[in-house]
Every structure is written in C-alpha cells, then in structure tokens.
Amino acid sequence: MSLHAYVNLIEIIIAGGLIALILLQTKSTSLGSVFGGDSAIHRTRRGVEKTLHQATIVLSAIFFLVAVLNVIISV
C-alpha cells in the first residue's frame, strides 16, 4: 500500500472518532431548543463533559492536519 492509502485510512478512522465524540456530547433537551428556544443559563462544563469537549477539539485539529497532509501527498 502506498502512503496515500495509509493517510486515507487514518483520516477515515479519525472521522469515525470525531463522529462518535460529537454524538456523545448531545444533551437531552426539549423540542423547544430545536427552534432556538435554548435556556439562557450559562453553565460550565465539568468532568466527562469537559473531557469530551477537549478531546473533540484535539481530534478535529488532528483531522485538519491529516487532511492537509493528504492534499500535499496527492499533489
């Protein structure tokens, strides 16, 4: 397998992880929030929620870098 194929495989794995992390972050909210009726209470993330948020940011940055690497390799 070529390097391009390995980078594509890594990108697919990271995308799957990103999808999983984003789906784990969904909050159980009412139907009103779908139409923009979100509560105005500001609360901070704690515990597992904070860890999931930070992991999503890190994984999305890695995904971006791998995507740029993929473009550079394919040229």
Protein backbone atom coordinates (compact mmCIF):
# COMPACT_ATOMS: atom_id res chain seq x y z
CA MET A 1 0.00 0.00 0.00
CA SER A 2 1.15 3.49 -0.74
CA LEU A 3 1.50 6.34 1.74
CA HIS A 4 -1.60 7.98 0.25
CA ALA A 5 -3.69 4.91 1.12
CA TYR A 6 -2.43 4.91 4.71
CA VAL A 7 -3.23 8.61 5.12
CA ASN A 8 -6.73 8.00 3.74
CA LEU A 9 -7.23 5.15 6.21
CA ILE A 10 -6.04 7.32 9.12
CA GLU A 11 -8.38 10.09 8.02
CA ILE A 12 -11.36 7.70 7.94
CA ILE A 13 -10.55 6.41 11.43
CA ILE A 14 -10.23 9.93 12.82
CA ALA A 15 -13.52 10.93 11.15
CA GLY A 16 -15.25 7.98 12.82
CA GLY A 17 -13.83 9.00 16.18
CA LEU A 18 -14.95 12.59 15.64
CA ILE A 19 -18.47 11.45 14.80
CA ALA A 20 -18.58 9.32 17.95
CA LEU A 21 -17.32 12.16 20.15
CA ILE A 22 -19.82 14.63 18.72
CA LEU A 23 -22.72 12.22 19.19
CA LEU A 24 -21.68 11.58 22.79
CA GLN A 25 -21.93 15.30 23.51
CA THR A 26 -25.60 15.66 22.62
CA LYS A 27 -27.66 16.89 25.52
CA SER A 28 -31.13 15.66 26.33
CA THR A 29 -33.07 18.85 25.67
CA SER A 30 -36.66 19.54 24.88
CA LEU A 31 -38.13 20.16 21.45
CA GLY A 32 -38.08 23.92 22.10
CA SER A 33 -34.32 24.07 21.73
CA VAL A 34 -34.59 22.75 18.17
CA PHE A 35 -36.23 26.03 17.15
CA GLY A 36 -33.81 28.24 19.05
CA GLY A 37 -35.54 28.31 22.42
CA ASP A 38 -32.41 27.46 24.37
CA SER A 39 -32.21 28.38 28.04
CA ALA A 40 -30.18 31.48 28.92
CA ILE A 41 -28.45 29.80 31.84
CA HIS A 42 -24.69 29.77 31.46
CA ARG A 43 -23.02 26.77 32.96
CA THR A 44 -19.51 25.45 32.76
CA ARG A 45 -18.51 22.04 31.53
CA ARG A 46 -17.27 19.68 34.21
CA GLY A 47 -15.99 16.14 34.41
CA VAL A 48 -16.66 13.87 31.48
CA GLU A 49 -18.41 16.60 29.50
CA LYS A 50 -15.29 18.80 29.67
CA THR A 51 -13.05 15.89 28.68
CA LEU A 52 -15.27 15.04 25.69
CA HIS A 53 -15.25 18.69 24.60
CA GLN A 54 -11.46 18.95 24.78
CA ALA A 55 -11.00 15.60 23.02
CA THR A 56 -13.26 16.79 20.21
CA ILE A 57 -11.19 19.92 19.75
CA VAL A 58 -7.91 17.97 19.69
CA LEU A 59 -9.27 15.32 17.32
CA SER A 60 -10.67 17.93 14.94
CA ALA A 61 -7.27 19.68 14.85
CA ILE A 62 -5.58 16.35 14.09
CA PHE A 63 -8.18 15.67 11.38
CA PHE A 64 -7.43 19.05 9.80
CA LEU A 65 -3.68 18.39 9.81
CA VAL A 66 -4.12 14.92 8.29
CA ALA A 67 -6.40 16.39 5.61
CA VAL A 68 -3.76 18.98 4.73
CA LEU A 69 -1.12 16.23 4.65
CA ASN A 70 -3.38 14.22 2.36
CA VAL A 71 -3.63 17.13 -0.07
CA ILE A 72 0.13 17.67 -0.02
CA ILE A 73 0.82 13.99 -0.69
CA SER A 74 -1.71 13.76 -3.52
CA VAL A 75 -0.13 16.64 -5.47
